[in-house]
Amino acid sequence: MTLSTTAAALVADRGPAGIPACKSVDPDVFFPYPSEPGNGPTAAERVALGICAGCPVREWCLARDLEECPTTYQVVGVRGGMRQADRRALHVQRYGVRAPYRAGADR
């Protein structure tokens, strides 16, 4: 998992309060071939979702993902206990097609 290293993000967010469940897991697990929005999760997505289910920083991870992705096209994989299709729908619900401007997002 790669987090933003922009100065604004580092100042605003000191990181999660716990150790992510995915810390010692192969990152490829969280980037399976995505299912379609109307369908249920694929078997590979269920594996990643299972890891996220018991994660102590799941809410932080989801919030960080939604904050860092300025467009729905950048929402990929499983993160924050949600699959790609569900996070894209949540992103559109919250921000529309494009997220609001954030300081340092254009750097």
PDB file of N, CA and C in Angstrom:
ATOM      1  N   MET A   1       0.855  -1.164   0.000  1.00  0.00           N
ATOM      2  CA  MET A   1       0.000   0.000   0.000  1.00  0.00           C
ATOM      3  C   MET A   1       0.901   1.227   0.000  1.00  0.00           C
ATOM      4  N   THR A   2       0.655   2.147  -0.890  1.00  0.00           N
ATOM      5  CA  THR A   2       1.446   3.358  -0.971  1.00  0.00           C
ATOM      6  C   THR A   2       0.586   4.532  -0.534  1.00  0.00           C
ATOM      7  N   LEU A   3       1.086   5.329   0.378  1.00  0.00           N
ATOM      8  CA  LEU A   3       0.359   6.497   0.835  1.00  0.00           C
ATOM      9  C   LEU A   3       1.001   7.748   0.263  1.00  0.00           C
ATOM     10  N   SER A   4       0.249   8.812   0.231  1.00  0.00           N
ATOM     11  CA  SER A   4       0.742  10.076  -0.298  1.00  0.00           C
ATOM     12  C   SER A   4       1.883  10.607   0.550  1.00  0.00           C
ATOM     13  N   THR A   5       2.839  11.238  -0.089  1.00  0.00           N
ATOM     14  CA  THR A   5       3.944  11.845   0.648  1.00  0.00           C
ATOM     15  C   THR A   5       3.986  13.354   0.426  1.00  0.00           C
ATOM     16  N   THR A   6       2.874  13.933  -0.029  1.00  0.00           N
ATOM     17  CA  THR A   6       2.853  15.378  -0.190  1.00  0.00           C
ATOM     18  C   THR A   6       2.920  16.024   1.183  1.00  0.00           C
ATOM     19  N   ALA A   7       3.511  17.197   1.245  1.00  0.00           N
ATOM     20  CA  ALA A   7       3.667  17.893   2.521  1.00  0.00           C
ATOM     21  C   ALA A   7       2.322  18.141   3.188  1.00  0.00           C
ATOM     22  N   ALA A   8       1.328  18.540   2.411  1.00  0.00           N
ATOM     23  CA  ALA A   8       0.008  18.819   2.981  1.00  0.00           C
ATOM     24  C   ALA A   8      -0.585  17.572   3.626  1.00  0.00           C
ATOM     25  N   ALA A   9      -0.437  16.414   2.973  1.00  0.00           N
ATOM     26  CA  ALA A   9      -0.984  15.170   3.519  1.00  0.00           C
ATOM     27  C   ALA A   9      -0.253  14.755   4.786  1.00  0.00           C
ATOM     28  N   LEU A  10       1.058  14.935   4.807  1.00  0.00           N
ATOM     29  CA  LEU A  10       1.821  14.546   5.987  1.00  0.00           C
ATOM     30  C   LEU A  10       1.506  15.429   7.185  1.00  0.00           C
ATOM     31  N   VAL A  11       1.284  16.705   6.959  1.00  0.00           N
ATOM     32  CA  VAL A  11       0.955  17.614   8.055  1.00  0.00           C
ATOM     33  C   VAL A  11      -0.441  17.324   8.581  1.00  0.00           C
ATOM     34  N   ALA A  12      -1.389  17.095   7.685  1.00  0.00           N
ATOM     35  CA  ALA A  12      -2.776  16.902   8.074  1.00  0.00           C
ATOM     36  C   ALA A  12      -3.040  15.537   8.694  1.00  0.00           C
ATOM     37  N   ASP A  13      -2.260  14.538   8.366  1.00  0.00           N
ATOM     38  CA  ASP A  13      -2.542  13.176   8.807  1.00  0.00           C
ATOM     39  C   ASP A  13      -1.288  12.544   9.385  1.00  0.00           C
ATOM     40  N   ARG A  14      -1.338  12.219  10.631  1.00  0.00           N
ATOM     41  CA  ARG A  14      -0.175  11.620  11.289  1.00  0.00           C
ATOM     42  C   ARG A  14      -0.149  10.098  11.136  1.00  0.00           C
ATOM     43  N   GLY A  15      -1.121   9.542  10.435  1.00  0.00           N
ATOM     44  CA  GLY A  15      -1.140   8.112  10.181  1.00  0.00           C
ATOM     45  C   GLY A  15      -2.151   7.379  11.030  1.00  0.00           C
ATOM     46  N   PRO A  16      -2.275   6.099  10.800  1.00  0.00           N
ATOM     47  CA  PRO A  16      -3.264   5.316  11.538  1.00  0.00           C
ATOM     48  C   PRO A  16      -2.854   5.109  12.988  1.00  0.00           C
ATOM     49  N   ALA A  17      -3.853   4.848  13.822  1.00  0.00           N
ATOM     50  CA  ALA A  17      -3.603   4.628  15.249  1.00  0.00           C
ATOM     51  C   ALA A  17      -3.205   3.184  15.546  1.00  0.00           C
ATOM     52  N   GLY A  18      -3.274   2.309  14.584  1.00  0.00           N
ATOM     53  CA  GLY A  18      -2.929   0.907  14.779  1.00  0.00           C
ATOM     54  C   GLY A  18      -2.081   0.396  13.633  1.00  0.00           C
ATOM     55  N   ILE A  19      -1.834  -0.897  13.649  1.00  0.00           N
ATOM     56  CA  ILE A  19      -1.041  -1.532  12.597  1.00  0.00           C
ATOM     57  C   ILE A  19      -1.999  -2.124  11.567  1.00  0.00           C
ATOM     58  N   PRO A  20      -1.881  -1.723  10.304  1.00  0.00           N
ATOM     59  CA  PRO A  20      -2.779  -2.246   9.269  1.00  0.00           C
ATOM     60  C   PRO A  20      -2.663  -3.768   9.122  1.00  0.00           C
ATOM     61  N   ALA A  21      -3.784  -4.423   8.924  1.00  0.00           N
ATOM     62  CA  ALA A  21      -3.805  -5.874   8.738  1.00  0.00           C
ATOM     63  C   ALA A  21      -3.064  -6.289   7.472  1.00  0.00           C
ATOM     64  N   CYS A  22      -2.939  -5.382   6.519  1.00  0.00           N
ATOM     65  CA  CYS A  22      -2.310  -5.697   5.243  1.00  0.00           C
ATOM     66  C   CYS A  22      -0.796  -5.508   5.265  1.00  0.00           C
ATOM     67  N   LYS A  23      -0.258  -5.096   6.381  1.00  0.00           N
ATOM     68  CA  LYS A  23       1.161  -4.749   6.437  1.00  0.00           C
ATOM     69  C   LYS A  23       2.082  -5.859   5.943  1.00  0.00           C
ATOM     70  N   SER A  24       1.804  -7.077   6.282  1.00  0.00           N
ATOM     71  CA  SER A  24       2.682  -8.183   5.888  1.00  0.00           C
ATOM     72  C   SER A  24       2.094  -9.046   4.768  1.00  0.00           C
ATOM     73  N   VAL A  25       1.095  -8.535   4.077  1.00  0.00           N
ATOM     74  CA  VAL A  25       0.426  -9.274   3.002  1.00  0.00           C
ATOM     75  C   VAL A  25       0.925  -8.756   1.649  1.00  0.00           C
ATOM     76  N   ASP A  26       1.066  -9.656   0.699  1.00  0.00           N
ATOM     77  CA  ASP A  26       1.472  -9.278  -0.655  1.00  0.00           C
ATOM     78  C   ASP A  26       0.479  -8.250  -1.209  1.00  0.00           C
ATOM     79  N   PRO A  27       0.932  -7.069  -1.623  1.00  0.00           N
ATOM     80  CA  PRO A  27       0.027  -6.030  -2.129  1.00  0.00           C
ATOM     81  C   PRO A  27      -0.818  -6.462  -3.320  1.00  0.00           C
ATOM     82  N   ASP A  28      -0.351  -7.428  -4.099  1.00  0.00           N
ATOM     83  CA  ASP A  28      -1.115  -7.895  -5.253  1.00  0.00           C
ATOM     84  C   ASP A  28      -2.468  -8.478  -4.851  1.00  0.00           C
ATOM     85  N   VAL A  29      -2.589  -8.938  -3.611  1.00  0.00           N
ATOM     86  CA  VAL A  29      -3.856  -9.480  -3.118  1.00  0.00           C
ATOM     87  C   VAL A  29      -4.946  -8.422  -3.185  1.00  0.00           C
ATOM     88  N   PHE A  30      -4.575  -7.165  -3.017  1.00  0.00           N
ATOM     89  CA  PHE A  30      -5.550  -6.078  -2.961  1.00  0.00           C
ATOM     90  C   PHE A  30      -5.859  -5.453  -4.321  1.00  0.00           C
ATOM     91  N   PHE A  31      -5.295  -6.021  -5.373  1.00  0.00           N
ATOM     92  CA  PHE A  31      -5.547  -5.529  -6.719  1.00  0.00           C
ATOM     93  C   PHE A  31      -5.993  -6.661  -7.645  1.00  0.00           C
ATOM     94  N   PRO A  32      -7.071  -7.376  -7.253  1.00  0.00           N
ATOM     95  CA  PRO A  32      -7.576  -8.444  -8.111  1.00  0.00           C
ATOM     96  C   PRO A  32      -8.320  -7.847  -9.301  1.00  0.00           C
ATOM     97  N   TYR A  33      -8.637  -8.702 -10.269  1.00  0.00           N
ATOM     98  CA  TYR A  33      -9.458  -8.250 -11.387  1.00  0.00           C
ATOM     99  C   TYR A  33     -10.804  -7.844 -10.793  1.00  0.00           C
ATOM    100  N   PRO A  34     -11.250  -6.609 -11.011  1.00  0.00           N
ATOM    101  CA  PRO A  34     -12.457  -6.119 -10.334  1.00  0.00           C
ATOM    102  C   PRO A  34     -13.744  -6.711 -10.884  1.00  0.00           C
ATOM    103  N   SER A  35     -14.719  -6.830 -10.002  1.00  0.00           N
ATOM    104  CA  SER A  35     -16.048  -7.260 -10.417  1.00  0.00           C
ATOM    105  C   SER A  35     -16.817  -6.051 -10.929  1.00  0.00           C
ATOM    106  N   GLU A  36     -17.909  -6.300 -11.569  1.00  0.00           N
ATOM    107  CA  GLU A  36     -18.757  -5.223 -12.083  1.00  0.00           C
ATOM    108  C   GLU A  36     -19.552  -4.625 -10.924  1.00  0.00           C
ATOM    109  N   PRO A  37     -19.917  -3.341 -11.014  1.00  0.00           N
ATOM    110  CA  PRO A  37     -20.630  -2.671  -9.922  1.00  0.00           C
ATOM    111  C   PRO A  37     -21.900  -3.378  -9.460  1.00  0.00           C
ATOM    112  N   GLY A  38     -22.673  -3.950 -10.357  1.00  0.00           N
ATOM    113  CA  GLY A  38     -23.926  -4.597  -9.977  1.00  0.00           C
ATOM    114  C   GLY A  38     -23.769  -6.017  -9.455  1.00  0.00           C
ATOM    115  N   ASN A  39     -22.593  -6.589  -9.590  1.00  0.00           N
ATOM    116  CA  ASN A  39     -22.355  -7.971  -9.176  1.00  0.00           C
ATOM    117  C   ASN A  39     -21.728  -8.019  -7.793  1.00  0.00           C
ATOM    118  N   GLY A  40     -21.757  -9.191  -7.205  1.00  0.00           N
ATOM    119  CA  GLY A  40     -21.090  -9.385  -5.923  1.00  0.00           C
ATOM    120  C   GLY A  40     -19.589  -9.488  -6.120  1.00  0.00           C
ATOM    121  N   PRO A  41     -18.841  -9.506  -5.030  1.00  0.00           N
ATOM    122  CA  PRO A  41     -17.380  -9.583  -5.128  1.00  0.00           C
ATOM    123  C   PRO A  41     -16.907 -10.911  -5.717  1.00  0.00           C
ATOM    124  N   THR A  42     -15.791 -10.852  -6.426  1.00  0.00           N
ATOM    125  CA  THR A  42     -15.172 -12.060  -6.961  1.00  0.00           C
ATOM    126  C   THR A  42     -14.503 -12.807  -5.812  1.00  0.00           C
ATOM    127  N   ALA A  43     -14.065 -14.030  -6.064  1.00  0.00           N
ATOM    128  CA  ALA A  43     -13.370 -14.806  -5.033  1.00  0.00           C
ATOM    129  C   ALA A  43     -12.099 -14.087  -4.582  1.00  0.00           C
ATOM    130  N   ALA A  44     -11.367 -13.505  -5.521  1.00  0.00           N
ATOM    131  CA  ALA A  44     -10.137 -12.780  -5.173  1.00  0.00           C
ATOM    132  C   ALA A  44     -10.445 -11.535  -4.343  1.00  0.00           C
ATOM    133  N   GLU A  45     -11.523 -10.841  -4.676  1.00  0.00           N
ATOM    134  CA  GLU A  45     -11.915  -9.671  -3.881  1.00  0.00           C
ATOM    135  C   GLU A  45     -12.327 -10.093  -2.468  1.00  0.00           C
ATOM    136  N   ARG A  46     -12.980 -11.240  -2.353  1.00  0.00           N
ATOM    137  CA  ARG A  46     -13.390 -11.719  -1.021  1.00  0.00           C
ATOM    138  C   ARG A  46     -12.191 -12.006  -0.128  1.00  0.00           C
ATOM    139  N   VAL A  47     -11.094 -12.480  -0.704  1.00  0.00           N
ATOM    140  CA  VAL A  47      -9.869 -12.713   0.075  1.00  0.00           C
ATOM    141  C   VAL A  47      -9.376 -11.389   0.647  1.00  0.00           C
ATOM    142  N   ALA A  48      -9.279 -10.364  -0.193  1.00  0.00           N
ATOM    143  CA  ALA A  48      -8.813  -9.052   0.258  1.00  0.00           C
ATOM    144  C   ALA A  48      -9.787  -8.439   1.262  1.00  0.00           C
ATOM    145  N   LEU A  49     -11.079  -8.562   0.997  1.00  0.00           N
ATOM    146  CA  LEU A  49     -12.083  -8.028   1.917  1.00  0.00           C
ATOM    147  C   LEU A  49     -12.017  -8.721   3.273  1.00  0.00           C
ATOM    148  N   GLY A  50     -11.679 -10.007   3.277  1.00  0.00           N
ATOM    149  CA  GLY A  50     -11.528 -10.743   4.530  1.00  0.00           C
ATOM    150  C   GLY A  50     -10.379 -10.219   5.362  1.00  0.00           C
ATOM    151  N   ILE A  51      -9.306  -9.834   4.721  1.00  0.00           N
ATOM    152  CA  ILE A  51      -8.163  -9.256   5.434  1.00  0.00           C
ATOM    153  C   ILE A  51      -8.558  -7.900   6.013  1.00  0.00           C
ATOM    154  N   CYS A  52      -9.250  -7.106   5.219  1.00  0.00           N
ATOM    155  CA  CYS A  52      -9.694  -5.787   5.680  1.00  0.00           C
ATOM    156  C   CYS A  52     -10.712  -5.876   6.826  1.00  0.00           C
ATOM    157  N   ALA A  53     -11.510  -6.932   6.830  1.00  0.00           N
ATOM    158  CA  ALA A  53     -12.593  -7.041   7.809  1.00  0.00           C
ATOM    159  C   ALA A  53     -12.113  -6.931   9.246  1.00  0.00           C
ATOM    160  N   GLY A  54     -10.958  -7.475   9.543  1.00  0.00           N
ATOM    161  CA  GLY A  54     -10.455  -7.429  10.914  1.00  0.00           C
ATOM    162  C   GLY A  54      -9.413  -6.360  11.154  1.00  0.00           C
ATOM    163  N   CYS A  55      -9.281  -5.424  10.237  1.00  0.00           N
ATOM    164  CA  CYS A  55      -8.229  -4.416  10.330  1.00  0.00           C
ATOM    165  C   CYS A  55      -8.611  -3.295  11.292  1.00  0.00           C
ATOM    166  N   PRO A  56      -7.697  -2.948  12.208  1.00  0.00           N
ATOM    167  CA  PRO A  56      -7.995  -1.883  13.170  1.00  0.00           C
ATOM    168  C   PRO A  56      -7.963  -0.477  12.568  1.00  0.00           C
ATOM    169  N   VAL A  57      -7.459  -0.326  11.350  1.00  0.00           N
ATOM    170  CA  VAL A  57      -7.370   1.003  10.731  1.00  0.00           C
ATOM    171  C   VAL A  57      -8.193   1.086   9.438  1.00  0.00           C
ATOM    172  N   ARG A  58      -9.185   0.230   9.328  1.00  0.00           N
ATOM    173  CA  ARG A  58      -9.992   0.167   8.101  1.00  0.00           C
ATOM    174  C   ARG A  58     -10.650   1.509   7.776  1.00  0.00           C
ATOM    175  N   GLU A  59     -11.236   2.177   8.756  1.00  0.00           N
ATOM    176  CA  GLU A  59     -11.912   3.450   8.513  1.00  0.00           C
ATOM    177  C   GLU A  59     -10.907   4.517   8.070  1.00  0.00           C
ATOM    178  N   TRP A  60      -9.731   4.545   8.696  1.00  0.00           N
ATOM    179  CA  TRP A  60      -8.683   5.495   8.316  1.00  0.00           C
ATOM    180  C   TRP A  60      -8.257   5.252   6.867  1.00  0.00           C
ATOM    181  N   CYS A  61      -8.086   4.004   6.522  1.00  0.00           N
ATOM    182  CA  CYS A  61      -7.653   3.622   5.174  1.00  0.00           C
ATOM    183  C   CYS A  61      -8.674   4.073   4.135  1.00  0.00           C
ATOM    184  N   LEU A  62      -9.946   3.852   4.390  1.00  0.00           N
ATOM    185  CA  LEU A  62     -10.995   4.252   3.456  1.00  0.00           C
ATOM    186  C   LEU A  62     -11.049   5.769   3.326  1.00  0.00           C
ATOM    187  N   ALA A  63     -10.998   6.471   4.443  1.00  0.00           N
ATOM    188  CA  ALA A  63     -11.032   7.939   4.407  1.00  0.00           C
ATOM    189  C   ALA A  63      -9.834   8.486   3.635  1.00  0.00           C
ATOM    190  N   ARG A  64      -8.669   7.908   3.862  1.00  0.00           N
ATOM    191  CA  ARG A  64      -7.455   8.354   3.167  1.00  0.00           C
ATOM    192  C   ARG A  64      -7.566   8.102   1.669  1.00  0.00           C
ATOM    193  N   ASP A  65      -8.107   6.962   1.310  1.00  0.00           N
ATOM    194  CA  ASP A  65      -8.277   6.630  -0.104  1.00  0.00           C
ATOM    195  C   ASP A  65      -9.219   7.620  -0.789  1.00  0.00           C
ATOM    196  N   LEU A  66     -10.345   7.914  -0.175  1.00  0.00           N
ATOM    197  CA  LEU A  66     -11.303   8.845  -0.763  1.00  0.00           C
ATOM    198  C   LEU A  66     -10.709  10.245  -0.866  1.00  0.00           C
ATOM    199  N   GLU A  67      -9.897  10.624   0.094  1.00  0.00           N
ATOM    200  CA  GLU A  67      -9.274  11.949   0.091  1.00  0.00           C
ATOM    201  C   GLU A  67      -8.189  12.064  -0.981  1.00  0.00           C
ATOM    202  N   GLU A  68      -7.439  10.998  -1.209  1.00  0.00           N
ATOM    203  CA  GLU A  68      -6.307  11.049  -2.125  1.00  0.00           C
ATOM    204  C   GLU A  68      -6.667  10.852  -3.587  1.00  0.00           C
ATOM    205  N   CYS A  69      -7.833  10.333  -3.882  1.00  0.00           N
ATOM    206  CA  CYS A  69      -8.206  10.048  -5.270  1.00  0.00           C
ATOM    207  C   CYS A  69      -9.048  11.188  -5.825  1.00  0.00           C
ATOM    208  N   PRO A  70      -8.455  12.058  -6.649  1.00  0.00           N
ATOM    209  CA  PRO A  70      -9.211  13.184  -7.177  1.00  0.00           C
ATOM    210  C   PRO A  70     -10.252  12.795  -8.224  1.00  0.00           C
ATOM    211  N   THR A  71     -10.142  11.635  -8.840  1.00  0.00           N
ATOM    212  CA  THR A  71     -11.142  11.183  -9.803  1.00  0.00           C
ATOM    213  C   THR A  71     -11.460   9.717  -9.543  1.00  0.00           C
ATOM    214  N   THR A  72     -12.617   9.291 -10.000  1.00  0.00           N
ATOM    215  CA  THR A  72     -13.009   7.894  -9.803  1.00  0.00           C
ATOM    216  C   THR A  72     -12.103   6.937 -10.553  1.00  0.00           C
ATOM    217  N   TYR A  73     -11.430   7.404 -11.595  1.00  0.00           N
ATOM    218  CA  TYR A  73     -10.541   6.534 -12.372  1.00  0.00           C
ATOM    219  C   TYR A  73      -9.311   6.124 -11.571  1.00  0.00           C
ATOM    220  N   GLN A  74      -9.003   6.852 -10.500  1.00  0.00           N
ATOM    221  CA  GLN A  74      -7.852   6.513  -9.670  1.00  0.00           C
ATOM    222  C   GLN A  74      -8.228   5.592  -8.517  1.00  0.00           C
ATOM    223  N   VAL A  75      -9.488   5.260  -8.377  1.00  0.00           N
ATOM    224  CA  VAL A  75      -9.947   4.349  -7.337  1.00  0.00           C
ATOM    225  C   VAL A  75      -9.801   2.931  -7.880  1.00  0.00           C
ATOM    226  N   VAL A  76      -8.786   2.201  -7.410  1.00  0.00           N
ATOM    227  CA  VAL A  76      -8.545   0.840  -7.894  1.00  0.00           C
ATOM    228  C   VAL A  76      -8.306  -0.103  -6.726  1.00  0.00           C
ATOM    229  N   GLY A  77      -8.638  -1.356  -6.926  1.00  0.00           N
ATOM    230  CA  GLY A  77      -8.355  -2.379  -5.937  1.00  0.00           C
ATOM    231  C   GLY A  77      -9.287  -2.350  -4.732  1.00  0.00           C
ATOM    232  N   VAL A  78      -8.923  -3.151  -3.750  1.00  0.00           N
ATOM    233  CA  VAL A  78      -9.660  -3.233  -2.486  1.00  0.00           C
ATOM    234  C   VAL A  78      -8.893  -2.410  -1.465  1.00  0.00           C
ATOM    235  N   ARG A  79      -9.604  -1.532  -0.784  1.00  0.00           N
ATOM    236  CA  ARG A  79      -8.970  -0.706   0.242  1.00  0.00           C
ATOM    237  C   ARG A  79     -10.033  -0.234   1.223  1.00  0.00           C
ATOM    238  N   GLY A  80      -9.683  -0.186   2.474  1.00  0.00           N
ATOM    239  CA  GLY A  80     -10.617   0.297   3.475  1.00  0.00           C
ATOM    240  C   GLY A  80     -11.832  -0.588   3.659  1.00  0.00           C
ATOM    241  N   GLY A  81     -11.697  -1.868   3.333  1.00  0.00           N
ATOM    242  CA  GLY A  81     -12.807  -2.798   3.498  1.00  0.00           C
ATOM    243  C   GLY A  81     -13.858  -2.707   2.411  1.00  0.00           C
ATOM    244  N   MET A  82     -13.538  -2.021   1.325  1.00  0.00           N
ATOM    245  CA  MET A  82     -14.484  -1.902   0.212  1.00  0.00           C
ATOM    246  C   MET A  82     -13.791  -2.254  -1.093  1.00  0.00           C
ATOM    247  N   ARG A  83     -14.543  -2.883  -1.980  1.00  0.00           N
ATOM    248  CA  ARG A  83     -13.985  -3.211  -3.281  1.00  0.00           C
ATOM    249  C   ARG A  83     -14.035  -1.984  -4.180  1.00  0.00           C
ATOM    250  N   GLN A  84     -13.329  -2.061  -5.277  1.00  0.00           N
ATOM    251  CA  GLN A  84     -13.195  -0.947  -6.210  1.00  0.00           C
ATOM    252  C   GLN A  84     -14.545  -0.377  -6.646  1.00  0.00           C
ATOM    253  N   ALA A  85     -15.462  -1.216  -7.067  1.00  0.00           N
ATOM    254  CA  ALA A  85     -16.763  -0.753  -7.569  1.00  0.00           C
ATOM    255  C   ALA A  85     -17.525   0.010  -6.492  1.00  0.00           C
ATOM    256  N   ASP A  86     -17.472  -0.477  -5.250  1.00  0.00           N
ATOM    257  CA  ASP A  86     -18.196   0.176  -4.167  1.00  0.00           C
ATOM    258  C   ASP A  86     -17.553   1.509  -3.775  1.00  0.00           C
ATOM    259  N   ARG A  87     -16.211   1.570  -3.793  1.00  0.00           N
ATOM    260  CA  ARG A  87     -15.535   2.826  -3.466  1.00  0.00           C
ATOM    261  C   ARG A  87     -15.758   3.864  -4.547  1.00  0.00           C
ATOM    262  N   ARG A  88     -15.807   3.433  -5.808  1.00  0.00           N
ATOM    263  CA  ARG A  88     -16.095   4.380  -6.891  1.00  0.00           C
ATOM    264  C   ARG A  88     -17.494   4.966  -6.727  1.00  0.00           C
ATOM    265  N   ALA A  89     -18.460   4.127  -6.396  1.00  0.00           N
ATOM    266  CA  ALA A  89     -19.831   4.604  -6.182  1.00  0.00           C
ATOM    267  C   ALA A  89     -19.883   5.570  -4.998  1.00  0.00           C
ATOM    268  N   LEU A  90     -19.177   5.263  -3.934  1.00  0.00           N
ATOM    269  CA  LEU A  90     -19.127   6.145  -2.765  1.00  0.00           C
ATOM    270  C   LEU A  90     -18.461   7.468  -3.119  1.00  0.00           C
ATOM    271  N   HIS A  91     -17.404   7.418  -3.917  1.00  0.00           N
ATOM    272  CA  HIS A  91     -16.700   8.626  -4.348  1.00  0.00           C
ATOM    273  C   HIS A  91     -17.641   9.535  -5.144  1.00  0.00           C
ATOM    274  N   VAL A  92     -18.386   8.951  -6.077  1.00  0.00           N
ATOM    275  CA  VAL A  92     -19.328   9.729  -6.884  1.00  0.00           C
ATOM    276  C   VAL A  92     -20.424  10.308  -5.995  1.00  0.00           C
ATOM    277  N   GLN A  93     -20.905   9.523  -5.043  1.00  0.00           N
ATOM    278  CA  GLN A  93     -21.941   9.988  -4.125  1.00  0.00           C
ATOM    279  C   GLN A  93     -21.448  11.194  -3.324  1.00  0.00           C
ATOM    280  N   ARG A  94     -20.212  11.145  -2.871  1.00  0.00           N
ATOM    281  CA  ARG A  94     -19.668  12.233  -2.055  1.00  0.00           C
ATOM    282  C   ARG A  94     -19.213  13.441  -2.857  1.00  0.00           C
ATOM    283  N   TYR A  95     -18.528  13.197  -3.976  1.00  0.00           N
ATOM    284  CA  TYR A  95     -17.869  14.281  -4.688  1.00  0.00           C
ATOM    285  C   TYR A  95     -18.357  14.516  -6.108  1.00  0.00           C
ATOM    286  N   GLY A  96     -19.155  13.659  -6.654  1.00  0.00           N
ATOM    287  CA  GLY A  96     -19.463  13.742  -8.074  1.00  0.00           C
ATOM    288  C   GLY A  96     -18.329  13.074  -8.833  1.00  0.00           C
ATOM    289  N   VAL A  97     -18.130  13.435 -10.071  1.00  0.00           N
ATOM    290  CA  VAL A  97     -17.084  12.805 -10.869  1.00  0.00           C
ATOM    291  C   VAL A  97     -15.705  13.188 -10.369  1.00  0.00           C
ATOM    292  N   ARG A  98     -15.558  14.410  -9.918  1.00  0.00           N
ATOM    293  CA  ARG A  98     -14.250  14.895  -9.486  1.00  0.00           C
ATOM    294  C   ARG A  98     -14.349  15.388  -8.050  1.00  0.00           C
ATOM    295  N   ALA A  99     -13.386  15.021  -7.251  1.00  0.00           N
ATOM    296  CA  ALA A  99     -13.359  15.461  -5.862  1.00  0.00           C
ATOM    297  C   ALA A  99     -13.054  16.951  -5.788  1.00  0.00           C
ATOM    298  N   PRO A 100     -13.464  17.606  -4.702  1.00  0.00           N
ATOM    299  CA  PRO A 100     -13.164  19.028  -4.551  1.00  0.00           C
ATOM    300  C   PRO A 100     -11.659  19.274  -4.448  1.00  0.00           C
ATOM    301  N   TYR A 101     -11.235  20.488  -4.780  1.00  0.00           N
ATOM    302  CA  TYR A 101      -9.825  20.852  -4.735  1.00  0.00           C
ATOM    303  C   TYR A 101      -9.285  20.686  -3.324  1.00  0.00           C
ATOM    304  N   ARG A 102      -8.087  20.139  -3.258  1.00  0.00           N
ATOM    305  CA  ARG A 102      -7.382  20.004  -1.977  1.00  0.00           C
ATOM    306  C   ARG A 102      -6.014  20.624  -2.127  1.00  0.00           C
ATOM    307  N   ALA A 103      -5.551  21.315  -1.124  1.00  0.00           N
ATOM    308  CA  ALA A 103      -4.237  21.959  -1.151  1.00  0.00           C
ATOM    309  C   ALA A 103      -3.167  20.919  -1.460  1.00  0.00           C
ATOM    310  N   GLY A 104      -2.299  21.218  -2.395  1.00  0.00           N
ATOM    311  CA  GLY A 104      -1.195  20.337  -2.733  1.00  0.00           C
ATOM    312  C   GLY A 104      -1.556  19.210  -3.690  1.00  0.00           C
ATOM    313  N   ALA A 105      -2.822  19.104  -4.087  1.00  0.00           N
ATOM    314  CA  ALA A 105      -3.233  17.999  -4.955  1.00  0.00           C
ATOM    315  C   ALA A 105      -2.662  18.106  -6.355  1.00  0.00           C
ATOM    316  N   ASP A 106      -2.279  19.314  -6.776  1.00  0.00           N
ATOM    317  CA  ASP A 106      -1.761  19.490  -8.125  1.00  0.00           C
ATOM    318  C   ASP A 106      -0.244  19.401  -8.198  1.00  0.00           C
ATOM    319  N   ARG A 107       0.394  19.040  -7.132  1.00  0.00           N
ATOM    320  CA  ARG A 107       1.862  18.971  -7.111  1.00  0.00           C
ATOM    321  C   ARG A 107       2.373  17.592  -7.353  1.00  0.00           C
TER     322      ARG A 107
END
